[in-house]
Every structure is written in C-alpha cells, then in structure tokens.
Amino acid sequence: MSIVNAHEATMPSEVTGHLSVFDRFATRAAGFVSRAWFFVLCVLLVVVWAPSYFLIGDLDTWQLIINTMTTIVTFLLVALLQNTQRRADEAVQHKLNAIADALSDLMAHVGGEDSELHKDQRELRDAVGLEARESAE
C-alpha cells in the first residue's frame, strides 16, 4: 500500500462501531463537561472555596486546596478530551478517504483514455495513501 503518512488509509466501511470501555467513558465525560451547567458547577466550587479561608486560616493551605483540585481535574479532562478529539479526527479522515476513493473511481470511469486525468487520479490516490485496486468487476 502506498502511504504518504504513517497511517493506513481506512475506509468508513472498514471501521468498526465497537468502542472500548475507556472510549465510551471518555465520550460520556466529554458530553458531561461540555454542558453549561458543568461550568456553573465549577464556578460554584470556587464560590464555596473562596470563603473557606476563614475556616482554614492558613493562606498556603487554602491556596493549595484549590490548586490541587484544579490541577487534578485539568489533568484528567485533558486526557479524556484528547481521546474524544483523536477519535473525531480519525472519523473525519475515514470520511475524507472515502470521498477521495469515490473521486478517484469517478475519474477512472469518466477519464477513458485521457492520460492527464489518469495521472491526476494516480496523484490523488498517492496523496491520500489509497492502494490501487485490481479490477474484479
């Protein structure tokens, strides 16, 4: 298979609909944290934390609490959101491969003996890493 980048060209029909447990969790978490009420919950957490200084009394401990909470939440959310973004990017790439494959097929069908169009078709297939299919029709 001729490939321009390090990834194999996968067609949408070859993509399985099966998601791992982590992928399903990441999708739900991304949906959960992308809602307006999650932002309101975060603001509420800061509003509750701010006056807690009077209960804690020590400025360093008070700041450490919010810094630790936000660092942990940010770290975990970045990992989860990166997972969902990667899968979204792969889905878009699969769709683009299908479009390029269909365009290449159309060029072959319409091109007839036009050598320039066949050259363009080969360049398109090489650019997106689609292998030349043998004629089984």
C-alpha atoms as a PDB file:
ATOM      1  CA  MET A   1       0.000   0.000   0.000  1.00  0.00           C
ATOM      2  CA  SER A   2       1.386   3.383  -0.973  1.00  0.00           C
ATOM      3  CA  ILE A   3       1.119   5.674   2.035  1.00  0.00           C
ATOM      4  CA  VAL A   4       2.132   9.300   2.346  1.00  0.00           C
ATOM      5  CA  ASN A   5       1.769   9.433   6.119  1.00  0.00           C
ATOM      6  CA  ALA A   6       2.347   6.773   8.763  1.00  0.00           C
ATOM      7  CA  HIS A   7      -1.336   5.808   8.966  1.00  0.00           C
ATOM      8  CA  GLU A   8      -3.086   3.289   6.768  1.00  0.00           C
ATOM      9  CA  ALA A   9      -5.939   4.588   4.690  1.00  0.00           C
ATOM     10  CA  THR A  10      -9.076   3.107   6.216  1.00  0.00           C
ATOM     11  CA  MET A  11     -12.397   3.310   4.508  1.00  0.00           C
ATOM     12  CA  PRO A  12     -15.574   4.010   6.539  1.00  0.00           C
ATOM     13  CA  SER A  13     -16.907   0.563   5.644  1.00  0.00           C
ATOM     14  CA  GLU A  14     -13.817  -0.941   7.325  1.00  0.00           C
ATOM     15  CA  VAL A  15     -14.301   0.993  10.571  1.00  0.00           C
ATOM     16  CA  THR A  16     -15.862  -0.976  13.370  1.00  0.00           C
ATOM     17  CA  GLY A  17     -18.516   0.593  15.537  1.00  0.00           C
ATOM     18  CA  HIS A  18     -17.087  -1.044  18.652  1.00  0.00           C
ATOM     19  CA  LEU A  19     -15.791   1.353  21.289  1.00  0.00           C
ATOM     20  CA  SER A  20     -13.715   0.271  24.255  1.00  0.00           C
ATOM     21  CA  VAL A  21     -14.919   0.886  27.794  1.00  0.00           C
ATOM     22  CA  PHE A  22     -12.498   3.805  28.083  1.00  0.00           C
ATOM     23  CA  ASP A  23     -13.694   5.301  24.779  1.00  0.00           C
ATOM     24  CA  ARG A  24     -17.321   5.115  25.904  1.00  0.00           C
ATOM     25  CA  PHE A  25     -16.383   6.660  29.268  1.00  0.00           C
ATOM     26  CA  ALA A  26     -14.388   9.440  27.559  1.00  0.00           C
ATOM     27  CA  THR A  27     -17.313  10.201  25.239  1.00  0.00           C
ATOM     28  CA  ARG A  28     -19.737  10.473  28.146  1.00  0.00           C
ATOM     29  CA  ALA A  29     -17.286  12.550  30.182  1.00  0.00           C
ATOM     30  CA  ALA A  30     -16.747  14.928  27.246  1.00  0.00           C
ATOM     31  CA  GLY A  31     -20.509  15.309  26.919  1.00  0.00           C
ATOM     32  CA  PHE A  32     -20.811  15.903  30.658  1.00  0.00           C
ATOM     33  CA  VAL A  33     -18.124  18.589  30.913  1.00  0.00           C
ATOM     34  CA  SER A  34     -19.190  20.410  27.747  1.00  0.00           C
ATOM     35  CA  ARG A  35     -22.531  21.458  29.203  1.00  0.00           C
ATOM     36  CA  ALA A  36     -23.191  24.921  30.615  1.00  0.00           C
ATOM     37  CA  TRP A  37     -24.264  23.528  33.974  1.00  0.00           C
ATOM     38  CA  PHE A  38     -20.814  21.918  34.423  1.00  0.00           C
ATOM     39  CA  PHE A  39     -19.294  25.395  34.101  1.00  0.00           C
ATOM     40  CA  VAL A  40     -21.796  26.685  36.654  1.00  0.00           C
ATOM     41  CA  LEU A  41     -20.776  23.812  38.947  1.00  0.00           C
ATOM     42  CA  CYS A  42     -17.123  24.864  38.604  1.00  0.00           C
ATOM     43  CA  VAL A  43     -17.964  28.480  39.394  1.00  0.00           C
ATOM     44  CA  LEU A  44     -19.976  27.310  42.406  1.00  0.00           C
ATOM     45  CA  LEU A  45     -16.977  25.314  43.609  1.00  0.00           C
ATOM     46  CA  VAL A  46     -14.827  28.460  43.530  1.00  0.00           C
ATOM     47  CA  VAL A  47     -17.553  30.467  45.280  1.00  0.00           C
ATOM     48  CA  VAL A  48     -17.688  27.847  48.047  1.00  0.00           C
ATOM     49  CA  TRP A  49     -13.902  27.604  48.246  1.00  0.00           C
ATOM     50  CA  ALA A  50     -13.244  31.372  48.468  1.00  0.00           C
ATOM     51  CA  PRO A  51     -14.764  31.986  51.930  1.00  0.00           C
ATOM     52  CA  SER A  52     -13.295  28.730  53.258  1.00  0.00           C
ATOM     53  CA  TYR A  53     -10.160  30.742  54.056  1.00  0.00           C
ATOM     54  CA  PHE A  54     -11.809  31.830  57.280  1.00  0.00           C
ATOM     55  CA  LEU A  55     -12.260  28.167  58.311  1.00  0.00           C
ATOM     56  CA  ILE A  56      -8.770  27.067  57.269  1.00  0.00           C
ATOM     57  CA  GLY A  57      -6.880  30.141  58.447  1.00  0.00           C
ATOM     58  CA  ASP A  58      -3.610  29.341  56.647  1.00  0.00           C
ATOM     59  CA  LEU A  59      -3.188  31.100  53.277  1.00  0.00           C
ATOM     60  CA  ASP A  60      -0.804  28.490  51.861  1.00  0.00           C
ATOM     61  CA  THR A  61      -3.114  25.573  52.703  1.00  0.00           C
ATOM     62  CA  TRP A  62      -6.111  27.469  51.386  1.00  0.00           C
ATOM     63  CA  GLN A  63      -4.386  28.086  48.025  1.00  0.00           C
ATOM     64  CA  LEU A  64      -3.014  24.551  47.895  1.00  0.00           C
ATOM     65  CA  ILE A  65      -6.530  23.126  48.120  1.00  0.00           C
ATOM     66  CA  ILE A  66      -7.826  24.951  45.028  1.00  0.00           C
ATOM     67  CA  ASN A  67      -4.573  24.484  43.117  1.00  0.00           C
ATOM     68  CA  THR A  68      -4.574  20.739  43.751  1.00  0.00           C
ATOM     69  CA  MET A  69      -8.247  20.334  42.827  1.00  0.00           C
ATOM     70  CA  THR A  70      -7.950  22.298  39.599  1.00  0.00           C
ATOM     71  CA  THR A  71      -4.701  20.597  38.581  1.00  0.00           C
ATOM     72  CA  ILE A  72      -6.151  17.117  39.049  1.00  0.00           C
ATOM     73  CA  VAL A  73      -9.377  17.941  37.223  1.00  0.00           C
ATOM     74  CA  THR A  74      -7.494  19.633  34.367  1.00  0.00           C
ATOM     75  CA  PHE A  75      -5.066  16.728  34.009  1.00  0.00           C
ATOM     76  CA  LEU A  76      -7.854  14.151  33.822  1.00  0.00           C
ATOM     77  CA  LEU A  77     -10.050  16.200  31.493  1.00  0.00           C
ATOM     78  CA  VAL A  78      -7.203  16.806  29.059  1.00  0.00           C
ATOM     79  CA  ALA A  79      -6.639  13.053  28.776  1.00  0.00           C
ATOM     80  CA  LEU A  80     -10.350  12.345  28.270  1.00  0.00           C
ATOM     81  CA  LEU A  81     -10.912  15.160  25.803  1.00  0.00           C
ATOM     82  CA  GLN A  82      -7.780  14.216  23.856  1.00  0.00           C
ATOM     83  CA  ASN A  83      -9.235  10.726  23.421  1.00  0.00           C
ATOM     84  CA  THR A  84     -12.512  12.019  22.022  1.00  0.00           C
ATOM     85  CA  GLN A  85     -10.732  14.514  19.758  1.00  0.00           C
ATOM     86  CA  ARG A  86      -8.457  11.784  18.375  1.00  0.00           C
ATOM     87  CA  ARG A  87     -11.446   9.603  17.550  1.00  0.00           C
ATOM     88  CA  ALA A  88     -13.246  12.551  15.920  1.00  0.00           C
ATOM     89  CA  ASP A  89     -10.162  13.290  13.814  1.00  0.00           C
ATOM     90  CA  GLU A  90      -9.936   9.643  12.749  1.00  0.00           C
ATOM     91  CA  ALA A  91     -13.619   9.632  11.758  1.00  0.00           C
ATOM     92  CA  VAL A  92     -13.118  12.738   9.606  1.00  0.00           C
ATOM     93  CA  GLN A  93     -10.053  11.138   7.992  1.00  0.00           C
ATOM     94  CA  HIS A  94     -12.044   7.997   7.180  1.00  0.00           C
ATOM     95  CA  LYS A  95     -14.724  10.112   5.515  1.00  0.00           C
ATOM     96  CA  LEU A  96     -12.134  12.052   3.514  1.00  0.00           C
ATOM     97  CA  ASN A  97     -10.579   8.764   2.374  1.00  0.00           C
ATOM     98  CA  ALA A  98     -13.985   7.590   1.168  1.00  0.00           C
ATOM     99  CA  ILE A  99     -14.509  10.844  -0.749  1.00  0.00           C
ATOM    100  CA  ALA A 100     -11.042  10.607  -2.313  1.00  0.00           C
ATOM    101  CA  ASP A 101     -11.673   6.968  -3.266  1.00  0.00           C
ATOM    102  CA  ALA A 102     -15.023   7.814  -4.849  1.00  0.00           C
ATOM    103  CA  LEU A 103     -13.496  10.769  -6.715  1.00  0.00           C
ATOM    104  CA  SER A 104     -10.685   8.544  -7.954  1.00  0.00           C
ATOM    105  CA  ASP A 105     -13.215   5.965  -9.156  1.00  0.00           C
ATOM    106  CA  LEU A 106     -15.208   8.686 -10.903  1.00  0.00           C
ATOM    107  CA  MET A 107     -12.061   9.991 -12.570  1.00  0.00           C
ATOM    108  CA  ALA A 108     -11.245   6.474 -13.802  1.00  0.00           C
ATOM    109  CA  HIS A 109     -14.793   5.975 -15.103  1.00  0.00           C
ATOM    110  CA  VAL A 110     -15.070   9.356 -16.834  1.00  0.00           C
ATOM    111  CA  GLY A 111     -11.443   9.597 -17.918  1.00  0.00           C
ATOM    112  CA  GLY A 112     -11.492   6.939 -20.609  1.00  0.00           C
ATOM    113  CA  GLU A 113      -8.198   7.277 -22.463  1.00  0.00           C
ATOM    114  CA  ASP A 114      -7.358  10.746 -21.073  1.00  0.00           C
ATOM    115  CA  SER A 115      -3.795  10.252 -19.813  1.00  0.00           C
ATOM    116  CA  GLU A 116      -3.810  13.591 -17.965  1.00  0.00           C
ATOM    117  CA  LEU A 117      -6.873  12.579 -15.934  1.00  0.00           C
ATOM    118  CA  HIS A 118      -5.303   9.182 -15.165  1.00  0.00           C
ATOM    119  CA  LYS A 119      -2.149  10.986 -13.993  1.00  0.00           C
ATOM    120  CA  ASP A 120      -4.300  13.196 -11.724  1.00  0.00           C
ATOM    121  CA  GLN A 121      -6.095  10.098 -10.441  1.00  0.00           C
ATOM    122  CA  ARG A 122      -2.773   8.430  -9.514  1.00  0.00           C
ATOM    123  CA  GLU A 123      -1.609  11.615  -7.773  1.00  0.00           C
ATOM    124  CA  LEU A 124      -4.857  11.769  -5.771  1.00  0.00           C
ATOM    125  CA  ARG A 125      -4.582   8.132  -4.700  1.00  0.00           C
ATOM    126  CA  ASP A 126      -0.900   8.537  -3.763  1.00  0.00           C
ATOM    127  CA  ALA A 127      -1.584  11.761  -1.856  1.00  0.00           C
ATOM    128  CA  VAL A 128      -4.145  10.117   0.438  1.00  0.00           C
ATOM    129  CA  GLY A 129      -2.490   6.695   0.569  1.00  0.00           C
ATOM    130  CA  LEU A 130      -5.150   4.702  -1.234  1.00  0.00           C
ATOM    131  CA  GLU A 131      -3.931   1.500  -2.838  1.00  0.00           C
ATOM    132  CA  ALA A 132      -4.744   0.763  -6.428  1.00  0.00           C
ATOM    133  CA  ARG A 133      -7.484  -1.854  -6.548  1.00  0.00           C
ATOM    134  CA  GLU A 134      -7.395  -4.689  -9.018  1.00  0.00           C
ATOM    135  CA  SER A 135     -10.313  -4.814 -11.356  1.00  0.00           C
ATOM    136  CA  ALA A 136     -12.543  -7.600 -10.072  1.00  0.00           C
ATOM    137  CA  GLU A 137     -15.602  -6.417 -11.911  1.00  0.00           C
END
